[in-house]
């Protein structure tokens, strides 16, 4: 099951499984909420993407979206599909 949220920070968050039929759902959500082309998209909680799901991510990338990926699977998707990753400041501890 796919879950789509729009966070207060104007980040589009996708979670769950991106499977057959999700492309229409993603496109409908994006167009109905009039999201900007260069939208930040959080995919850390995506646990599976089939071909249709990968096409959805590609469609978002073609619109100019940048992706936030913090899980190994999300990073794998970004690398394999050549999705642009949103640059973030390092969250780790500082040096002592």
Protein backbone atom coordinates (compact mmCIF):
# COMPACT_ATOMS: atom_id res chain seq x y z
CA UNK A 1 0.00 0.00 0.00
CA UNK A 2 1.23 3.48 -0.88
CA UNK A 3 0.87 6.43 1.46
CA UNK A 4 1.34 9.99 0.22
CA UNK A 5 1.70 12.88 2.67
CA UNK A 6 2.49 16.54 2.29
CA UNK A 7 4.52 17.57 5.31
CA UNK A 8 4.34 21.04 6.83
CA UNK A 9 7.75 21.75 5.38
CA UNK A 10 6.25 21.29 1.89
CA UNK A 11 8.02 17.97 1.45
CA UNK A 12 6.14 15.25 -0.42
CA UNK A 13 6.60 11.99 1.50
CA UNK A 14 6.03 8.62 -0.14
CA UNK A 15 5.91 5.55 2.10
CA UNK A 16 5.18 1.89 1.62
CA UNK A 17 4.99 0.05 -1.70
CA UNK A 18 5.13 1.82 -5.06
CA UNK A 19 3.34 -0.72 -7.24
CA UNK A 20 1.05 -1.00 -10.26
CA UNK A 21 -1.42 1.85 -10.41
CA UNK A 22 0.52 4.15 -8.12
CA UNK A 23 1.68 6.38 -10.97
CA UNK A 24 -1.83 7.69 -11.49
CA UNK A 25 -2.20 8.21 -7.74
CA UNK A 26 1.09 10.13 -7.48
CA UNK A 27 0.35 12.26 -10.55
CA UNK A 28 -3.16 13.03 -9.29
CA UNK A 29 -1.87 14.05 -5.86
CA UNK A 30 0.87 16.26 -7.29
CA UNK A 31 -1.39 18.01 -9.79
CA UNK A 32 -4.35 18.43 -7.41
CA UNK A 33 -2.11 20.02 -4.76
CA UNK A 34 -0.37 22.19 -7.37
CA UNK A 35 3.05 21.25 -6.10
CA UNK A 36 6.04 23.05 -7.60
CA UNK A 37 8.11 21.23 -10.20
CA UNK A 38 11.23 21.33 -8.02
CA UNK A 39 9.53 19.52 -5.16
CA UNK A 40 11.48 17.82 -2.38
CA UNK A 41 10.38 14.17 -2.19
CA UNK A 42 11.09 12.00 0.88
CA UNK A 43 11.37 8.31 -0.11
CA UNK A 44 13.16 6.93 2.95
CA UNK A 45 10.08 4.90 3.95
CA UNK A 46 9.54 3.30 0.53
CA UNK A 47 10.02 -0.43 1.03
CA UNK A 48 9.40 -1.70 -2.51
CA UNK A 49 9.03 -0.31 -6.03
CA UNK A 50 8.06 -2.30 -9.12
CA UNK A 51 8.37 -0.98 -12.68
CA UNK A 52 5.30 1.25 -12.26
CA UNK A 53 6.69 2.65 -9.02
CA UNK A 54 10.03 3.34 -10.66
CA UNK A 55 8.19 5.14 -13.46
CA UNK A 56 6.46 7.30 -10.84
CA UNK A 57 9.80 8.28 -9.34
CA UNK A 58 11.15 8.98 -12.83
CA UNK A 59 8.14 11.17 -13.61
CA UNK A 60 8.78 13.20 -10.46
CA UNK A 61 12.46 13.53 -11.38
CA UNK A 62 11.55 14.71 -14.89
CA UNK A 63 9.45 17.45 -13.29
CA UNK A 64 12.54 18.59 -11.37
CA UNK A 65 12.00 16.87 -8.02
CA UNK A 66 14.92 16.25 -5.68
CA UNK A 67 14.86 13.17 -3.46
CA UNK A 68 15.65 12.67 0.21
CA UNK A 69 16.77 9.10 0.83
CA UNK A 70 18.11 7.90 4.17
CA UNK A 71 17.44 4.15 4.02
CA UNK A 72 19.58 1.72 2.08
CA UNK A 73 16.71 0.76 -0.26
CA UNK A 74 15.85 4.41 -0.98
CA UNK A 75 19.50 5.19 -1.69
CA UNK A 76 19.63 2.12 -3.95
CA UNK A 77 16.60 3.40 -5.90
CA UNK A 78 18.17 6.84 -6.30
CA UNK A 79 21.41 5.35 -7.53
CA UNK A 80 19.85 2.80 -9.88
CA UNK A 81 17.30 5.21 -11.36
CA UNK A 82 19.74 8.14 -11.30
CA UNK A 83 17.40 10.27 -9.24
CA UNK A 84 18.80 13.59 -8.03
CA UNK A 85 19.43 13.50 -4.28
CA UNK A 86 18.64 16.51 -2.14
CA UNK A 87 21.83 17.70 -0.47
CA UNK A 88 21.56 17.72 3.32
CA UNK A 89 23.78 18.81 6.13
CA UNK A 90 25.39 15.92 7.98
CA UNK A 91 23.30 14.90 10.99
CA UNK A 92 26.10 13.05 12.76
CA UNK A 93 27.92 14.18 15.83
CA UNK A 94 30.65 16.73 15.54
CA UNK A 95 34.28 15.86 16.14
CA UNK A 96 35.56 15.86 19.68
